[in-house]
Protein backbone atom coordinates (compact mmCIF):
# COMPACT_ATOMS: atom_id res chain seq x y z
CA UNK A 1 -13.49 30.84 -1.10
CA UNK A 2 -10.48 29.16 0.50
CA UNK A 3 -12.01 29.13 3.83
CA UNK A 4 -15.06 27.31 2.47
CA UNK A 5 -13.06 24.77 0.75
CA UNK A 6 -11.00 24.07 3.76
CA UNK A 7 -14.33 23.70 5.92
CA UNK A 8 -15.71 21.37 3.41
CA UNK A 9 -12.49 19.17 3.41
CA UNK A 10 -12.54 19.14 7.34
CA UNK A 11 -16.14 18.13 7.35
CA UNK A 12 -15.28 15.33 4.98
CA UNK A 13 -12.64 14.41 7.02
CA UNK A 14 -14.56 14.24 10.24
CA UNK A 15 -17.44 12.43 8.62
CA UNK A 16 -14.90 9.79 7.07
CA UNK A 17 -13.45 9.28 10.48
CA UNK A 18 -17.20 8.99 12.02
CA UNK A 19 -18.09 6.30 9.12
CA UNK A 20 -14.73 4.37 9.85
CA UNK A 21 -15.46 4.41 13.55
CA UNK A 22 -19.14 3.18 13.19
CA UNK A 23 -18.15 0.01 10.67
CA UNK A 24 -15.64 -0.80 13.13
CA UNK A 25 -16.57 0.30 16.72
CA UNK A 26 -15.01 -1.48 19.75
CA UNK A 27 -17.44 -4.04 20.61
CA UNK A 28 -17.56 -6.57 23.67
CA UNK A 29 -18.38 -9.43 21.29
CA UNK A 30 -14.96 -9.74 20.18
CA UNK A 31 -13.53 -9.92 23.53
CA UNK A 32 -16.22 -12.32 24.59
CA UNK A 33 -15.53 -14.47 21.75
CA UNK A 34 -11.80 -14.70 22.82
CA UNK A 35 -12.97 -15.41 26.48
CA UNK A 36 -15.01 -18.37 25.36
CA UNK A 37 -12.10 -19.93 23.16
CA UNK A 38 -9.66 -20.13 26.43
CA UNK A 39 -12.02 -19.80 29.45
CA UNK A 40 -14.99 -21.50 31.33
CA UNK A 41 -17.88 -19.36 31.94
CA UNK A 42 -17.61 -17.18 35.03
CA UNK A 43 -13.70 -17.47 35.11
CA UNK A 44 -11.62 -14.29 35.02
CA UNK A 45 -8.56 -15.64 33.27
CA UNK A 46 -7.68 -18.98 31.72
CA UNK A 47 -6.71 -21.67 33.95
CA UNK A 48 -3.65 -23.09 32.21
CA UNK A 49 -0.32 -21.32 31.10
CA UNK A 50 -0.57 -22.47 27.50
CA UNK A 51 -4.15 -21.01 27.33
CA UNK A 52 -3.08 -17.93 29.12
CA UNK A 53 -0.31 -17.05 26.56
CA UNK A 54 -2.60 -17.73 23.70
CA UNK A 55 -5.36 -15.70 25.54
CA UNK A 56 -2.88 -12.82 26.08
CA UNK A 57 -1.87 -12.84 22.22
CA UNK A 58 -5.38 -12.45 21.01
CA UNK A 59 -6.23 -9.63 23.64
CA UNK A 60 -2.97 -7.71 22.35
CA UNK A 61 -4.29 -8.05 18.95
CA UNK A 62 -7.87 -6.54 19.96
CA UNK A 63 -6.18 -3.75 21.78
CA UNK A 64 -4.07 -3.10 18.45
CA UNK A 65 -7.04 -3.31 16.46
CA UNK A 66 -9.06 -0.90 18.43
CA UNK A 67 -5.87 1.53 19.12
CA UNK A 68 -8.21 4.59 18.60
CA UNK A 69 -10.67 3.33 21.55
CA UNK A 70 -9.66 4.31 25.06
CA UNK A 71 -12.31 1.80 26.32
CA UNK A 72 -11.06 -0.99 24.11
CA UNK A 73 -7.59 -0.53 25.28
CA UNK A 74 -8.49 -0.24 29.04
CA UNK A 75 -10.65 -3.51 28.61
CA UNK A 76 -8.02 -5.34 26.96
CA UNK A 77 -5.47 -4.05 29.89
CA UNK A 78 -7.98 -5.46 32.28
CA UNK A 79 -8.21 -8.75 30.64
CA UNK A 80 -4.41 -9.17 30.07
CA UNK A 81 -3.77 -8.12 33.63
CA UNK A 82 -6.06 -10.81 34.99
CA UNK A 83 -4.57 -13.34 32.79
CA UNK A 84 -1.05 -12.19 34.02
CA UNK A 85 -2.05 -12.40 37.63
CA UNK A 86 -3.25 -16.07 37.01
CA UNK A 87 0.13 -16.92 35.35
CA UNK A 88 1.73 -15.81 38.41
CA UNK A 89 -0.46 -17.49 40.79
CA UNK A 90 0.10 -20.81 38.85
CA UNK A 91 4.03 -20.22 38.56
CA UNK A 92 4.12 -19.29 42.34
CA UNK A 93 2.14 -22.72 43.07
CA UNK A 94 4.64 -24.60 40.69
CA UNK A 95 7.84 -23.22 42.55
CA UNK A 96 6.36 -23.72 45.93
CA UNK A 97 5.42 -27.30 45.35
CA UNK A 98 9.11 -28.12 44.35
CA UNK A 99 10.42 -26.27 47.75
CA UNK A 100 11.69 -28.55 50.20
CA UNK A 101 9.52 -27.56 52.92
CA UNK A 102 11.27 -29.89 55.51
CA UNK A 103 14.08 -27.94 55.23
CA UNK A 104 13.15 -24.42 53.78
CA UNK A 105 15.46 -22.16 51.83
CA UNK A 106 14.56 -18.76 52.06
CA UNK A 107 17.65 -17.26 50.50
CA UNK A 108 17.19 -15.08 47.58
CA UNK A 109 16.58 -17.02 44.32
CA UNK A 110 15.28 -19.86 46.37
CA UNK A 111 11.97 -21.41 45.29
CA UNK A 112 10.29 -19.96 48.22
CA UNK A 113 11.65 -16.57 47.58
CA UNK A 114 10.54 -16.87 43.64
CA UNK A 115 7.05 -17.92 45.02
CA UNK A 116 6.75 -14.82 47.18
CA UNK A 117 7.90 -12.63 44.51
CA UNK A 118 5.47 -14.19 41.80
CA UNK A 119 2.55 -13.48 44.33
CA UNK A 120 3.70 -10.14 44.88
CA UNK A 121 3.47 -9.74 40.93
CA UNK A 122 -0.09 -11.22 40.96
CA UNK A 123 -1.00 -8.62 44.05
CA UNK A 124 0.25 -5.79 41.58
CA UNK A 125 -1.78 -6.98 38.57
CA UNK A 126 -4.82 -7.03 40.73
CA UNK A 127 -4.17 -3.42 41.66
CA UNK A 128 -3.78 -2.69 38.05
CA UNK A 129 -7.05 -4.36 37.25
CA UNK A 130 -8.61 -2.17 40.03
CA UNK A 131 -7.11 1.15 38.74
CA UNK A 132 -8.37 0.39 34.94
CA UNK A 133 -11.77 -0.96 36.03
CA UNK A 134 -12.25 2.39 37.72
CA UNK A 135 -11.20 4.25 34.79
CA UNK A 136 -13.29 2.18 32.34
CA UNK A 137 -16.41 2.80 34.96
CA UNK A 138 -15.79 6.43 35.19
CA UNK A 139 -14.87 7.23 31.44
CA UNK A 140 -17.23 4.50 29.70
CA UNK A 141 -19.91 3.73 31.90
CA UNK A 142 -22.03 1.72 29.03
CA UNK A 143 -19.14 -0.26 27.87
CA UNK A 144 -17.86 -1.05 31.33
CA UNK A 145 -21.54 -2.45 31.96
CA UNK A 146 -21.70 -4.27 28.59
CA UNK A 147 -18.44 -6.00 29.38
CA UNK A 148 -19.29 -7.09 32.97
CA UNK A 149 -16.65 -5.05 34.66
CA UNK A 150 -19.25 -2.92 36.62
CA UNK A 151 -20.82 -6.01 37.88
CA UNK A 152 -20.67 -6.81 41.64
CA UNK A 153 -19.69 -10.08 40.92
CA UNK A 154 -16.44 -9.17 39.08
CA UNK A 155 -15.57 -6.80 42.26
CA UNK A 156 -16.32 -9.49 44.80
CA UNK A 157 -14.31 -12.11 42.55
CA UNK A 158 -11.41 -9.62 42.27
CA UNK A 159 -11.67 -9.02 46.21
CA UNK A 160 -11.84 -12.98 46.72
CA UNK A 161 -8.70 -13.36 44.56
CA UNK A 162 -6.66 -10.82 46.41
CA UNK A 163 -7.61 -12.45 49.85
CA UNK A 164 -6.56 -15.81 48.24
CA UNK A 165 -3.15 -14.23 47.27
CA UNK A 166 -2.70 -13.02 50.92
CA UNK A 167 -3.40 -16.34 52.13
CA UNK A 168 -1.22 -18.27 50.07
CA UNK A 169 1.77 -15.66 50.79
CA UNK A 170 1.04 -16.26 54.40
CA UNK A 171 1.52 -19.87 54.24
CA UNK A 172 4.69 -19.24 51.95
CA UNK A 173 6.02 -16.78 54.37
CA UNK A 174 5.35 -19.10 57.41
CA UNK A 175 8.27 -21.27 56.38
CA UNK A 176 10.66 -18.41 56.47
C-alpha cells in the first residue's frame, strides 16, 4: 500500500513538473523580443554601450527565468557574450582613438595597452560563443535552428568579426 502511495505521489510530481514546463517552455520569441528592442535586424549585438548594458540585463533575466532550461541558458550566454564582445570592441576603439599615435606609449596601463587588452577580451568572448554554439547545436539542435545559431550566416558573421578583431589588433600593435 505504501509503495502505491509513493508511486502515485511521484507520478503526480512528475506530471506537475511536466505541466509547469509546458506552461512556461523556453522559447526563442522572448529572446527575439529583447533583440528587437536593442538591435537592428541582422546585428549580432547592440551597437551602443547604453543599449549593450540594458540588453545584457534583460538577457540575464531571461537566463534566470528559464534557469531549469540548459538550452535557454546556453542561448542567453551566447547572446551576453556577443554583447560583451561588442562592448570590448567599442571600448578598445575609444581607448585607441585617444592614444597619441605620433608619440605612442606602449607601457602597461597606456591607452594602446588597454586597447590591446580589450581586444583580447573580445577575442575570448568569440571563443566562448563558438564553444557554447557547439554545445547548443549538439544538445538542442531544434532550439539552435529556431534561434538562428545554426545558420551559416551566424558562423560567417562570427568568423568575420574574428578577422576584424585580428586586423584591429594588428593596427594597434603596429604602433609598438
